[in-house]
C-alpha atoms as a PDB file:
ATOM      1  CA  UNK A   1     -35.759 114.264  43.711  1.00  0.00           C
ATOM      2  CA  UNK A   2     -36.583 112.463  40.616  1.00  0.00           C
ATOM      3  CA  UNK A   3     -39.989 110.762  40.267  1.00  0.00           C
ATOM      4  CA  UNK A   4     -38.440 107.890  38.486  1.00  0.00           C
ATOM      5  CA  UNK A   5     -38.518 104.497  40.396  1.00  0.00           C
ATOM      6  CA  UNK A   6     -35.189 104.212  42.550  1.00  0.00           C
ATOM      7  CA  UNK A   7     -32.700 101.556  42.451  1.00  0.00           C
ATOM      8  CA  UNK A   8     -33.613  98.594  44.509  1.00  0.00           C
ATOM      9  CA  UNK A   9     -32.014  95.354  45.812  1.00  0.00           C
ATOM     10  CA  UNK A  10     -34.267  93.342  43.566  1.00  0.00           C
ATOM     11  CA  UNK A  11     -33.472  95.309  40.570  1.00  0.00           C
ATOM     12  CA  UNK A  12     -29.797  94.391  41.365  1.00  0.00           C
ATOM     13  CA  UNK A  13     -30.628  90.892  41.227  1.00  0.00           C
ATOM     14  CA  UNK A  14     -31.313  89.731  44.774  1.00  0.00           C
ATOM     15  CA  UNK A  15     -34.930  88.926  45.796  1.00  0.00           C
ATOM     16  CA  UNK A  16     -35.574  88.904  49.594  1.00  0.00           C
ATOM     17  CA  UNK A  17     -39.155  87.602  49.041  1.00  0.00           C
ATOM     18  CA  UNK A  18     -37.986  84.664  46.828  1.00  0.00           C
ATOM     19  CA  UNK A  19     -35.300  83.834  49.689  1.00  0.00           C
ATOM     20  CA  UNK A  20     -38.275  83.884  52.195  1.00  0.00           C
ATOM     21  CA  UNK A  21     -40.314  81.597  49.821  1.00  0.00           C
ATOM     22  CA  UNK A  22     -37.396  79.243  49.735  1.00  0.00           C
ATOM     23  CA  UNK A  23     -37.156  78.935  53.467  1.00  0.00           C
ATOM     24  CA  UNK A  24     -40.845  78.224  53.664  1.00  0.00           C
ATOM     25  CA  UNK A  25     -40.466  75.527  51.120  1.00  0.00           C
ATOM     26  CA  UNK A  26     -37.394  73.590  52.609  1.00  0.00           C
ATOM     27  CA  UNK A  27     -38.189  74.221  56.293  1.00  0.00           C
ATOM     28  CA  UNK A  28     -40.484  71.071  56.564  1.00  0.00           C
ATOM     29  CA  UNK A  29     -37.748  69.046  54.949  1.00  0.00           C
ATOM     30  CA  UNK A  30     -35.047  70.224  57.347  1.00  0.00           C
ATOM     31  CA  UNK A  31     -37.165  69.644  60.449  1.00  0.00           C
ATOM     32  CA  UNK A  32     -37.099  65.917  59.498  1.00  0.00           C
ATOM     33  CA  UNK A  33     -33.418  65.817  59.733  1.00  0.00           C
ATOM     34  CA  UNK A  34     -33.197  66.438  63.472  1.00  0.00           C
ATOM     35  CA  UNK A  35     -32.018  64.927  66.824  1.00  0.00           C
ATOM     36  CA  UNK A  36     -33.332  65.342  70.380  1.00  0.00           C
ATOM     37  CA  UNK A  37     -30.501  67.453  71.258  1.00  0.00           C
ATOM     38  CA  UNK A  38     -31.620  70.290  68.908  1.00  0.00           C
ATOM     39  CA  UNK A  39     -32.708  73.349  70.716  1.00  0.00           C
ATOM     40  CA  UNK A  40     -34.474  76.171  69.304  1.00  0.00           C
ATOM     41  CA  UNK A  41     -36.003  76.297  65.782  1.00  0.00           C
ATOM     42  CA  UNK A  42     -35.003  77.098  62.103  1.00  0.00           C
ATOM     43  CA  UNK A  43     -34.647  80.816  61.384  1.00  0.00           C
ATOM     44  CA  UNK A  44     -32.471  81.906  64.405  1.00  0.00           C
ATOM     45  CA  UNK A  45     -29.171  83.538  64.004  1.00  0.00           C
ATOM     46  CA  UNK A  46     -27.427  80.361  65.222  1.00  0.00           C
ATOM     47  CA  UNK A  47     -28.365  76.752  65.500  1.00  0.00           C
ATOM     48  CA  UNK A  48     -28.247  75.418  69.181  1.00  0.00           C
ATOM     49  CA  UNK A  49     -27.480  71.908  70.069  1.00  0.00           C
ATOM     50  CA  UNK A  50     -27.234  70.332  73.589  1.00  0.00           C
ATOM     51  CA  UNK A  51     -23.965  68.403  73.636  1.00  0.00           C
ATOM     52  CA  UNK A  52     -25.153  65.999  76.362  1.00  0.00           C
ATOM     53  CA  UNK A  53     -23.164  64.167  79.129  1.00  0.00           C
ATOM     54  CA  UNK A  54     -19.759  62.842  78.215  1.00  0.00           C
ATOM     55  CA  UNK A  55     -16.786  62.120  80.308  1.00  0.00           C
ATOM     56  CA  UNK A  56     -14.136  63.832  78.177  1.00  0.00           C
ATOM     57  CA  UNK A  57     -15.699  64.748  74.930  1.00  0.00           C
ATOM     58  CA  UNK A  58     -13.694  65.654  71.798  1.00  0.00           C
ATOM     59  CA  UNK A  59     -15.399  67.712  69.183  1.00  0.00           C
ATOM     60  CA  UNK A  60     -14.644  66.819  65.462  1.00  0.00           C
ATOM     61  CA  UNK A  61     -15.368  68.980  62.542  1.00  0.00           C
ATOM     62  CA  UNK A  62     -15.040  68.528  58.822  1.00  0.00           C
ATOM     63  CA  UNK A  63     -15.890  70.996  55.966  1.00  0.00           C
ATOM     64  CA  UNK A  64     -16.212  70.089  52.210  1.00  0.00           C
ATOM     65  CA  UNK A  65     -18.085  70.450  48.986  1.00  0.00           C
ATOM     66  CA  UNK A  66     -19.033  68.370  46.073  1.00  0.00           C
ATOM     67  CA  UNK A  67     -16.807  69.648  43.407  1.00  0.00           C
ATOM     68  CA  UNK A  68     -17.591  69.473  39.558  1.00  0.00           C
ATOM     69  CA  UNK A  69     -20.298  66.739  40.234  1.00  0.00           C
ATOM     70  CA  UNK A  70     -22.514  69.926  40.380  1.00  0.00           C
ATOM     71  CA  UNK A  71     -21.792  70.489  36.770  1.00  0.00           C
ATOM     72  CA  UNK A  72     -23.479  67.140  36.026  1.00  0.00           C
ATOM     73  CA  UNK A  73     -26.503  68.115  38.337  1.00  0.00           C
ATOM     74  CA  UNK A  74     -26.955  71.519  36.657  1.00  0.00           C
ATOM     75  CA  UNK A  75     -26.666  69.976  33.107  1.00  0.00           C
ATOM     76  CA  UNK A  76     -29.358  67.502  33.852  1.00  0.00           C
ATOM     77  CA  UNK A  77     -31.593  69.921  35.832  1.00  0.00           C
ATOM     78  CA  UNK A  78     -31.604  67.465  38.739  1.00  0.00           C
ATOM     79  CA  UNK A  79     -30.751  68.867  42.099  1.00  0.00           C
ATOM     80  CA  UNK A  80     -32.333  66.395  44.775  1.00  0.00           C
ATOM     81  CA  UNK A  81     -29.369  64.201  45.260  1.00  0.00           C
ATOM     82  CA  UNK A  82     -26.389  66.517  45.258  1.00  0.00           C
ATOM     83  CA  UNK A  83     -27.169  67.288  48.873  1.00  0.00           C
ATOM     84  CA  UNK A  84     -26.707  63.443  49.994  1.00  0.00           C
ATOM     85  CA  UNK A  85     -23.193  63.802  48.130  1.00  0.00           C
ATOM     86  CA  UNK A  86     -22.471  66.928  50.422  1.00  0.00           C
ATOM     87  CA  UNK A  87     -23.352  65.276  53.687  1.00  0.00           C
ATOM     88  CA  UNK A  88     -21.407  62.080  52.865  1.00  0.00           C
ATOM     89  CA  UNK A  89     -18.256  64.090  52.122  1.00  0.00           C
ATOM     90  CA  UNK A  90     -18.386  65.776  55.434  1.00  0.00           C
ATOM     91  CA  UNK A  91     -19.744  63.077  57.963  1.00  0.00           C
ATOM     92  CA  UNK A  92     -17.653  60.164  56.611  1.00  0.00           C
ATOM     93  CA  UNK A  93     -14.601  62.254  57.311  1.00  0.00           C
ATOM     94  CA  UNK A  94     -15.719  62.432  60.999  1.00  0.00           C
ATOM     95  CA  UNK A  95     -16.420  58.747  61.459  1.00  0.00           C
ATOM     96  CA  UNK A  96     -12.753  57.904  60.526  1.00  0.00           C
ATOM     97  CA  UNK A  97     -11.626  58.908  64.209  1.00  0.00           C
ATOM     98  CA  UNK A  98     -14.876  57.303  65.666  1.00  0.00           C
ATOM     99  CA  UNK A  99     -16.747  60.604  66.040  1.00  0.00           C
ATOM    100  CA  UNK A 100     -20.568  60.513  65.759  1.00  0.00           C
ATOM    101  CA  UNK A 101     -21.758  63.101  63.449  1.00  0.00           C
ATOM    102  CA  UNK A 102     -24.125  65.403  65.438  1.00  0.00           C
ATOM    103  CA  UNK A 103     -25.246  68.391  63.035  1.00  0.00           C
ATOM    104  CA  UNK A 104     -24.467  69.732  59.749  1.00  0.00           C
ATOM    105  CA  UNK A 105     -24.814  73.512  58.454  1.00  0.00           C
ATOM    106  CA  UNK A 106     -24.774  73.987  54.652  1.00  0.00           C
ATOM    107  CA  UNK A 107     -23.939  77.006  52.655  1.00  0.00           C
ATOM    108  CA  UNK A 108     -25.495  77.372  49.046  1.00  0.00           C
ATOM    109  CA  UNK A 109     -24.220  80.090  46.763  1.00  0.00           C
ATOM    110  CA  UNK A 110     -26.610  80.462  43.880  1.00  0.00           C
ATOM    111  CA  UNK A 111     -27.017  82.834  40.979  1.00  0.00           C
ATOM    112  CA  UNK A 112     -30.726  83.487  41.295  1.00  0.00           C
ATOM    113  CA  UNK A 113     -32.878  82.181  44.083  1.00  0.00           C
ATOM    114  CA  UNK A 114     -35.653  80.156  42.470  1.00  0.00           C
ATOM    115  CA  UNK A 115     -37.451  78.812  45.589  1.00  0.00           C
ATOM    116  CA  UNK A 116     -38.303  75.411  44.278  1.00  0.00           C
ATOM    117  CA  UNK A 117     -34.872  74.963  43.068  1.00  0.00           C
ATOM    118  CA  UNK A 118     -33.381  75.817  46.588  1.00  0.00           C
ATOM    119  CA  UNK A 119     -35.878  73.495  48.136  1.00  0.00           C
ATOM    120  CA  UNK A 120     -34.929  70.643  45.838  1.00  0.00           C
ATOM    121  CA  UNK A 121     -31.149  71.043  46.822  1.00  0.00           C
ATOM    122  CA  UNK A 122     -32.091  71.116  50.556  1.00  0.00           C
ATOM    123  CA  UNK A 123     -34.226  68.105  50.181  1.00  0.00           C
ATOM    124  CA  UNK A 124     -30.943  66.222  49.311  1.00  0.00           C
ATOM    125  CA  UNK A 125     -28.964  67.675  52.222  1.00  0.00           C
ATOM    126  CA  UNK A 126     -31.745  66.739  54.602  1.00  0.00           C
ATOM    127  CA  UNK A 127     -31.904  63.201  53.319  1.00  0.00           C
ATOM    128  CA  UNK A 128     -28.190  62.825  53.759  1.00  0.00           C
ATOM    129  CA  UNK A 129     -28.526  63.960  57.331  1.00  0.00           C
ATOM    130  CA  UNK A 130     -31.189  61.595  57.888  1.00  0.00           C
ATOM    131  CA  UNK A 131     -28.999  58.680  56.466  1.00  0.00           C
ATOM    132  CA  UNK A 132     -26.137  59.889  58.772  1.00  0.00           C
ATOM    133  CA  UNK A 133     -28.105  60.177  61.878  1.00  0.00           C
ATOM    134  CA  UNK A 134     -27.344  63.967  62.145  1.00  0.00           C
ATOM    135  CA  UNK A 135     -29.287  67.049  62.421  1.00  0.00           C
ATOM    136  CA  UNK A 136     -29.618  69.862  59.811  1.00  0.00           C
ATOM    137  CA  UNK A 137     -28.958  72.600  62.287  1.00  0.00           C
ATOM    138  CA  UNK A 138     -29.061  75.398  59.792  1.00  0.00           C
ATOM    139  CA  UNK A 139     -27.531  77.094  56.833  1.00  0.00           C
ATOM    140  CA  UNK A 140     -27.057  80.144  54.526  1.00  0.00           C
ATOM    141  CA  UNK A 141     -28.365  80.635  51.007  1.00  0.00           C
ATOM    142  CA  UNK A 142     -26.517  83.469  49.407  1.00  0.00           C
ATOM    143  CA  UNK A 143     -27.862  85.101  45.935  1.00  0.00           C
ATOM    144  CA  UNK A 144     -24.894  86.026  43.710  1.00  0.00           C
ATOM    145  CA  UNK A 145     -26.191  87.947  40.605  1.00  0.00           C
ATOM    146  CA  UNK A 146     -23.482  89.106  38.354  1.00  0.00           C
ATOM    147  CA  UNK A 147     -21.112  86.793  39.848  1.00  0.00           C
ATOM    148  CA  UNK A 148     -22.939  83.379  39.017  1.00  0.00           C
ATOM    149  CA  UNK A 149     -25.439  82.696  36.134  1.00  0.00           C
ATOM    150  CA  UNK A 150     -29.089  82.102  37.081  1.00  0.00           C
ATOM    151  CA  UNK A 151     -28.878  78.370  36.901  1.00  0.00           C
ATOM    152  CA  UNK A 152     -25.450  78.036  38.629  1.00  0.00           C
ATOM    153  CA  UNK A 153     -24.921  77.306  42.327  1.00  0.00           C
ATOM    154  CA  UNK A 154     -22.218  75.812  44.675  1.00  0.00           C
ATOM    155  CA  UNK A 155     -22.705  73.994  47.919  1.00  0.00           C
ATOM    156  CA  UNK A 156     -20.508  73.435  51.008  1.00  0.00           C
ATOM    157  CA  UNK A 157     -21.195  72.309  54.621  1.00  0.00           C
ATOM    158  CA  UNK A 158     -19.465  71.779  57.902  1.00  0.00           C
ATOM    159  CA  UNK A 159     -20.283  68.722  60.035  1.00  0.00           C
ATOM    160  CA  UNK A 160     -19.585  68.511  63.891  1.00  0.00           C
ATOM    161  CA  UNK A 161     -19.443  65.330  65.647  1.00  0.00           C
ATOM    162  CA  UNK A 162     -18.165  64.180  69.091  1.00  0.00           C
ATOM    163  CA  UNK A 163     -16.103  61.124  70.487  1.00  0.00           C
ATOM    164  CA  UNK A 164     -15.123  60.232  73.861  1.00  0.00           C
ATOM    165  CA  UNK A 165     -11.263  60.872  74.232  1.00  0.00           C
ATOM    166  CA  UNK A 166     -10.612  57.184  75.145  1.00  0.00           C
ATOM    167  CA  UNK A 167     -12.601  55.859  72.173  1.00  0.00           C
ATOM    168  CA  UNK A 168     -10.687  58.037  69.656  1.00  0.00           C
ATOM    169  CA  UNK A 169      -9.621  55.954  66.812  1.00  0.00           C
ATOM    170  CA  UNK A 170      -6.522  56.728  64.782  1.00  0.00           C
ATOM    171  CA  UNK A 171      -2.985  55.445  63.393  1.00  0.00           C
ATOM    172  CA  UNK A 172      -1.807  55.052  66.959  1.00  0.00           C
ATOM    173  CA  UNK A 173      -4.084  52.114  67.478  1.00  0.00           C
ATOM    174  CA  UNK A 174      -2.936  50.245  64.287  1.00  0.00           C
ATOM    175  CA  UNK A 175      -0.791  47.040  64.830  1.00  0.00           C
ATOM    176  CA  UNK A 176       0.933  44.517  62.690  1.00  0.00           C
ATOM    177  CA  UNK A 177      -1.603  41.706  62.096  1.00  0.00           C
ATOM    178  CA  UNK A 178      -4.630  43.820  61.871  1.00  0.00           C
ATOM    179  CA  UNK A 179      -7.200  43.106  58.914  1.00  0.00           C
ATOM    180  CA  UNK A 180      -7.986  45.594  56.314  1.00  0.00           C
ATOM    181  CA  UNK A 181     -11.751  45.392  55.339  1.00  0.00           C
ATOM    182  CA  UNK A 182     -12.970  47.380  52.175  1.00  0.00           C
ATOM    183  CA  UNK A 183     -16.451  48.691  51.794  1.00  0.00           C
ATOM    184  CA  UNK A 184     -17.913  48.890  48.375  1.00  0.00           C
ATOM    185  CA  UNK A 185     -18.636  52.342  46.992  1.00  0.00           C
ATOM    186  CA  UNK A 186     -21.715  53.221  45.120  1.00  0.00           C
ATOM    187  CA  UNK A 187     -19.837  54.543  42.147  1.00  0.00           C
ATOM    188  CA  UNK A 188     -17.662  57.561  41.425  1.00  0.00           C
ATOM    189  CA  UNK A 189     -18.958  59.180  44.730  1.00  0.00           C
ATOM    190  CA  UNK A 190     -17.823  62.799  44.576  1.00  0.00           C
ATOM    191  CA  UNK A 191     -14.256  62.752  43.413  1.00  0.00           C
ATOM    192  CA  UNK A 192     -12.587  62.658  40.102  1.00  0.00           C
ATOM    193  CA  UNK A 193     -15.427  64.424  38.113  1.00  0.00           C
ATOM    194  CA  UNK A 194     -13.160  66.935  36.342  1.00  0.00           C
ATOM    195  CA  UNK A 195     -11.442  63.825  34.801  1.00  0.00           C
ATOM    196  CA  UNK A 196     -14.719  61.823  34.259  1.00  0.00           C
ATOM    197  CA  UNK A 197     -16.450  64.834  32.530  1.00  0.00           C
ATOM    198  CA  UNK A 198     -13.383  65.472  30.214  1.00  0.00           C
ATOM    199  CA  UNK A 199     -13.266  61.769  29.113  1.00  0.00           C
ATOM    200  CA  UNK A 200     -16.915  60.831  29.051  1.00  0.00           C
ATOM    201  CA  UNK A 201     -18.502  64.076  27.809  1.00  0.00           C
ATOM    202  CA  UNK A 202     -15.680  65.940  26.037  1.00  0.00           C
ATOM    203  CA  UNK A 203     -13.424  63.399  24.650  1.00  0.00           C
ATOM    204  CA  UNK A 204     -16.058  60.622  23.991  1.00  0.00           C
ATOM    205  CA  UNK A 205     -18.924  63.098  23.282  1.00  0.00           C
ATOM    206  CA  UNK A 206     -21.423  60.969  25.144  1.00  0.00           C
ATOM    207  CA  UNK A 207     -24.800  62.607  26.019  1.00  0.00           C
ATOM    208  CA  UNK A 208     -25.846  62.661  29.676  1.00  0.00           C
ATOM    209  CA  UNK A 209     -29.282  61.271  28.750  1.00  0.00           C
ATOM    210  CA  UNK A 210     -27.920  58.639  26.489  1.00  0.00           C
ATOM    211  CA  UNK A 211     -28.470  55.052  27.580  1.00  0.00           C
ATOM    212  CA  UNK A 212     -25.169  53.069  28.039  1.00  0.00           C
ATOM    213  CA  UNK A 213     -25.577  49.451  27.680  1.00  0.00           C
ATOM    214  CA  UNK A 214     -22.787  48.295  29.880  1.00  0.00           C
ATOM    215  CA  UNK A 215     -24.007  50.460  32.759  1.00  0.00           C
ATOM    216  CA  UNK A 216     -27.505  49.524  32.438  1.00  0.00           C
ATOM    217  CA  UNK A 217     -28.744  53.166  32.527  1.00  0.00           C
ATOM    218  CA  UNK A 218     -28.140  56.696  31.243  1.00  0.00           C
ATOM    219  CA  UNK A 219     -24.704  58.212  31.629  1.00  0.00           C
ATOM    220  CA  UNK A 220     -26.229  60.997  33.712  1.00  0.00           C
ATOM    221  CA  UNK A 221     -27.950  58.549  36.052  1.00  0.00           C
ATOM    222  CA  UNK A 222     -24.632  56.854  36.664  1.00  0.00           C
ATOM    223  CA  UNK A 223     -22.792  59.947  37.317  1.00  0.00           C
ATOM    224  CA  UNK A 224     -25.316  61.347  39.563  1.00  0.00           C
ATOM    225  CA  UNK A 225     -25.565  58.091  41.725  1.00  0.00           C
ATOM    226  CA  UNK A 226     -25.383  59.573  45.166  1.00  0.00           C
ATOM    227  CA  UNK A 227     -22.296  59.046  47.298  1.00  0.00           C
ATOM    228  CA  UNK A 228     -22.771  56.202  50.024  1.00  0.00           C
ATOM    229  CA  UNK A 229     -22.779  57.452  53.511  1.00  0.00           C
ATOM    230  CA  UNK A 230     -21.145  54.864  55.894  1.00  0.00           C
ATOM    231  CA  UNK A 231     -21.526  56.896  59.116  1.00  0.00           C
ATOM    232  CA  UNK A 232     -24.008  54.686  60.940  1.00  0.00           C
ATOM    233  CA  UNK A 233     -22.369  51.448  59.630  1.00  0.00           C
ATOM    234  CA  UNK A 234     -18.980  52.524  60.896  1.00  0.00           C
ATOM    235  CA  UNK A 235     -20.242  53.624  64.281  1.00  0.00           C
ATOM    236  CA  UNK A 236     -22.135  50.266  64.589  1.00  0.00           C
ATOM    237  CA  UNK A 237     -18.919  48.479  63.820  1.00  0.00           C
ATOM    238  CA  UNK A 238     -16.847  50.369  66.321  1.00  0.00           C
ATOM    239  CA  UNK A 239     -19.400  49.689  68.853  1.00  0.00           C
ATOM    240  CA  UNK A 240     -19.339  45.837  68.549  1.00  0.00           C
ATOM    241  CA  UNK A 241     -15.777  45.178  67.142  1.00  0.00           C
ATOM    242  CA  UNK A 242     -12.144  46.098  67.896  1.00  0.00           C
ATOM    243  CA  UNK A 243     -11.797  48.745  65.211  1.00  0.00           C
ATOM    244  CA  UNK A 244      -8.505  50.480  65.036  1.00  0.00           C
ATOM    245  CA  UNK A 245      -9.376  53.223  62.603  1.00  0.00           C
ATOM    246  CA  UNK A 246     -11.296  53.835  59.327  1.00  0.00           C
ATOM    247  CA  UNK A 247     -10.125  55.242  56.111  1.00  0.00           C
ATOM    248  CA  UNK A 248     -12.640  57.390  54.117  1.00  0.00           C
ATOM    249  CA  UNK A 249     -11.544  57.013  50.358  1.00  0.00           C
ATOM    250  CA  UNK A 250     -11.814  60.260  48.610  1.00  0.00           C
ATOM    251  CA  UNK A 251      -9.334  62.413  46.547  1.00  0.00           C
ATOM    252  CA  UNK A 252      -6.031  60.568  46.137  1.00  0.00           C
ATOM    253  CA  UNK A 253      -7.628  57.172  45.853  1.00  0.00           C
ATOM    254  CA  UNK A 254      -7.402  54.084  48.035  1.00  0.00           C
ATOM    255  CA  UNK A 255      -3.648  54.078  48.415  1.00  0.00           C
ATOM    256  CA  UNK A 256      -3.215  57.778  48.780  1.00  0.00           C
ATOM    257  CA  UNK A 257      -5.761  57.892  51.831  1.00  0.00           C
ATOM    258  CA  UNK A 258      -4.506  54.733  53.338  1.00  0.00           C
ATOM    259  CA  UNK A 259      -0.981  56.463  53.881  1.00  0.00           C
ATOM    260  CA  UNK A 260      -2.818  58.804  56.233  1.00  0.00           C
ATOM    261  CA  UNK A 261      -3.757  56.162  58.728  1.00  0.00           C
ATOM    262  CA  UNK A 262      -0.606  54.002  58.638  1.00  0.00           C
ATOM    263  CA  UNK A 263       1.909  54.614  61.449  1.00  0.00           C
ATOM    264  CA  UNK A 264       5.662  54.265  61.118  1.00  0.00           C
ATOM    265  CA  UNK A 265       6.856  50.676  61.326  1.00  0.00           C
ATOM    266  CA  UNK A 266       4.021  48.986  59.638  1.00  0.00           C
ATOM    267  CA  UNK A 267       2.765  48.494  56.069  1.00  0.00           C
ATOM    268  CA  UNK A 268      -0.681  48.179  54.821  1.00  0.00           C
ATOM    269  CA  UNK A 269      -0.563  45.240  52.189  1.00  0.00           C
ATOM    270  CA  UNK A 270      -3.639  44.953  49.916  1.00  0.00           C
ATOM    271  CA  UNK A 271      -4.486  43.130  46.783  1.00  0.00           C
ATOM    272  CA  UNK A 272      -6.416  44.235  43.860  1.00  0.00           C
ATOM    273  CA  UNK A 273      -7.333  40.666  43.180  1.00  0.00           C
ATOM    274  CA  UNK A 274      -9.873  40.782  46.076  1.00  0.00           C
ATOM    275  CA  UNK A 275     -12.442  42.904  44.207  1.00  0.00           C
ATOM    276  CA  UNK A 276     -13.597  44.030  40.756  1.00  0.00           C
ATOM    277  CA  UNK A 277     -14.276  47.652  40.253  1.00  0.00           C
ATOM    278  CA  UNK A 278     -17.683  48.815  39.043  1.00  0.00           C
ATOM    279  CA  UNK A 279     -18.026  49.141  35.085  1.00  0.00           C
ATOM    280  CA  UNK A 280     -18.039  52.844  35.223  1.00  0.00           C
ATOM    281  CA  UNK A 281     -14.157  52.914  36.257  1.00  0.00           C
ATOM    282  CA  UNK A 282     -13.697  50.494  33.296  1.00  0.00           C
ATOM    283  CA  UNK A 283     -15.673  52.712  30.855  1.00  0.00           C
ATOM    284  CA  UNK A 284     -13.568  55.879  31.904  1.00  0.00           C
ATOM    285  CA  UNK A 285     -10.042  53.927  31.658  1.00  0.00           C
ATOM    286  CA  UNK A 286     -10.973  52.417  28.317  1.00  0.00           C
ATOM    287  CA  UNK A 287     -12.561  55.580  26.542  1.00  0.00           C
ATOM    288  CA  UNK A 288      -9.902  58.091  27.913  1.00  0.00           C
ATOM    289  CA  UNK A 289      -7.046  55.479  27.627  1.00  0.00           C
ATOM    290  CA  UNK A 290      -6.324  56.510  31.320  1.00  0.00           C
ATOM    291  CA  UNK A 291      -3.419  54.513  32.885  1.00  0.00           C
ATOM    292  CA  UNK A 292      -4.000  52.480  36.037  1.00  0.00           C
ATOM    293  CA  UNK A 293      -1.867  54.816  38.091  1.00  0.00           C
ATOM    294  CA  UNK A 294      -4.013  57.802  37.138  1.00  0.00           C
ATOM    295  CA  UNK A 295      -7.167  56.019  37.697  1.00  0.00           C
ATOM    296  CA  UNK A 296      -6.134  54.949  41.099  1.00  0.00           C
ATOM    297  CA  UNK A 297      -4.995  58.252  42.347  1.00  0.00           C
ATOM    298  CA  UNK A 298      -8.079  59.994  41.104  1.00  0.00           C
ATOM    299  CA  UNK A 299     -10.969  57.652  41.760  1.00  0.00           C
ATOM    300  CA  UNK A 300     -12.055  55.466  44.675  1.00  0.00           C
ATOM    301  CA  UNK A 301     -12.105  52.511  42.192  1.00  0.00           C
ATOM    302  CA  UNK A 302     -14.864  50.816  44.126  1.00  0.00           C
ATOM    303  CA  UNK A 303     -13.631  51.018  47.550  1.00  0.00           C
ATOM    304  CA  UNK A 304     -15.402  53.817  49.544  1.00  0.00           C
ATOM    305  CA  UNK A 305     -14.443  53.268  53.168  1.00  0.00           C
ATOM    306  CA  UNK A 306     -11.843  50.928  54.797  1.00  0.00           C
ATOM    307  CA  UNK A 307     -11.878  49.618  58.311  1.00  0.00           C
ATOM    308  CA  UNK A 308      -8.895  48.293  59.987  1.00  0.00           C
ATOM    309  CA  UNK A 309      -9.846  45.859  62.679  1.00  0.00           C
ATOM    310  CA  UNK A 310      -8.116  43.434  65.180  1.00  0.00           C
ATOM    311  CA  UNK A 311      -7.631  40.022  63.539  1.00  0.00           C
ATOM    312  CA  UNK A 312      -9.882  38.359  66.033  1.00  0.00           C
ATOM    313  CA  UNK A 313     -12.768  40.460  64.874  1.00  0.00           C
ATOM    314  CA  UNK A 314     -12.129  39.807  61.322  1.00  0.00           C
ATOM    315  CA  UNK A 315     -15.286  37.452  60.777  1.00  0.00           C
ATOM    316  CA  UNK A 316     -17.583  39.342  63.131  1.00  0.00           C
ATOM    317  CA  UNK A 317     -16.904  42.663  61.349  1.00  0.00           C
ATOM    318  CA  UNK A 318     -17.696  41.121  57.899  1.00  0.00           C
ATOM    319  CA  UNK A 319     -20.884  39.550  59.236  1.00  0.00           C
ATOM    320  CA  UNK A 320     -22.005  42.797  60.673  1.00  0.00           C
ATOM    321  CA  UNK A 321     -21.274  44.789  57.561  1.00  0.00           C
ATOM    322  CA  UNK A 322     -23.142  42.031  55.494  1.00  0.00           C
ATOM    323  CA  UNK A 323     -26.169  42.310  57.792  1.00  0.00           C
ATOM    324  CA  UNK A 324     -26.233  46.042  57.308  1.00  0.00           C
ATOM    325  CA  UNK A 325     -26.234  45.466  53.489  1.00  0.00           C
ATOM    326  CA  UNK A 326     -22.758  46.608  52.858  1.00  0.00           C
ATOM    327  CA  UNK A 327     -20.727  44.670  50.509  1.00  0.00           C
ATOM    328  CA  UNK A 328     -17.468  44.281  52.407  1.00  0.00           C
ATOM    329  CA  UNK A 329     -14.477  41.909  51.941  1.00  0.00           C
ATOM    330  CA  UNK A 330     -10.862  41.640  53.199  1.00  0.00           C
ATOM    331  CA  UNK A 331      -8.480  43.838  51.209  1.00  0.00           C
ATOM    332  CA  UNK A 332      -5.285  42.785  52.908  1.00  0.00           C
ATOM    333  CA  UNK A 333      -3.584  43.126  56.213  1.00  0.00           C
ATOM    334  CA  UNK A 334      -1.069  45.289  57.982  1.00  0.00           C
ATOM    335  CA  UNK A 335       2.316  43.662  58.396  1.00  0.00           C
ATOM    336  CA  UNK A 336       5.585  44.869  59.953  1.00  0.00           C
ATOM    337  CA  UNK A 337       7.855  47.132  57.837  1.00  0.00           C
ATOM    338  CA  UNK A 338      10.942  45.396  56.567  1.00  0.00           C
ATOM    339  CA  UNK A 339      14.272  47.049  57.471  1.00  0.00           C
ATOM    340  CA  UNK A 340      14.726  49.926  55.368  1.00  0.00           C
ATOM    341  CA  UNK A 341      11.332  49.770  53.756  1.00  0.00           C
ATOM    342  CA  UNK A 342       9.741  53.243  53.236  1.00  0.00           C
ATOM    343  CA  UNK A 343       6.536  52.460  51.414  1.00  0.00           C
ATOM    344  CA  UNK A 344       3.537  52.382  54.044  1.00  0.00           C
ATOM    345  CA  UNK A 345       0.937  51.195  51.481  1.00  0.00           C
ATOM    346  CA  UNK A 346       1.300  48.447  48.873  1.00  0.00           C
ATOM    347  CA  UNK A 347      -1.359  47.724  46.349  1.00  0.00           C
ATOM    348  CA  UNK A 348      -0.501  44.634  44.254  1.00  0.00           C
ATOM    349  CA  UNK A 349      -1.983  42.203  41.815  1.00  0.00           C
ATOM    350  CA  UNK A 350      -4.660  42.638  39.180  1.00  0.00           C
ATOM    351  CA  UNK A 351      -8.388  43.171  39.414  1.00  0.00           C
ATOM    352  CA  UNK A 352     -10.239  40.166  38.139  1.00  0.00           C
ATOM    353  CA  UNK A 353     -12.196  40.828  35.096  1.00  0.00           C
ATOM    354  CA  UNK A 354     -10.951  44.486  34.674  1.00  0.00           C
END
């Protein structure tokens, strides 16, 4: 046998020691994102969670990623907020049906494990779970040398929640006369970044670290603003008001997602005149000469979540959201569909000052 050093896993680009060190660094962060139902500890082969006592529990699950917003985080070498976006994209899909997020498991694929880098990513995931009230039950970090560059990574996650069968929200509960309430987004959230990057970085040539007067901060800070997590607010609203369903405004925009929660026989009629989108949307539209139709099907345009509530709970719902520091307003209402009318969502008017 040759006396030369043999081939090793580390020589091929994967360091077991670096992975172990990363776990040591992020374990305390993950332990903060927990719930009383969690059983066992980090490091096992499976995360354990006691479901608790329910009459007729329905489990809800949702998986998602963050998309090309990751490219902005990597370009700025700032990785501690992208995990909040990841959690938001998963848990806020669950609450649409009234499910309480219980736990989340993440997956990080990375070109080279730098322990501090991985811990920074996980710190954001843990913070997102704390904001959502769910546990970070476990996950996987996979090193992909040769497939991804050293500074590259991708993240995804699956969240699991539960709702009592008789409390399940959905289109079947929506009635003519219901009120449509919009909740403000914190900015771009996690959708439309391929178009945003093309317009702002490639076409307009703006630097991420450059201060943008109309935004009041650097472009990179604006683009990395974390996605707002509405889970606790929605659950609180559903507990006190007669909520028919929610609508998480992600890819496809407001109208494209509202279609998913409107049953046959009714129309969601909403007015653009009820809100002014944040400046970042105006900047993208102006610099890229992007049409309103394209903007509205790509971005949330300032509405991150929608609640459909009974008319008698309109004022109560608005007051509750205001008390929870959520900017909310009446977008419109649900009306009966006219004979032969096929459109289930109508968005009309103009945004003031846009």
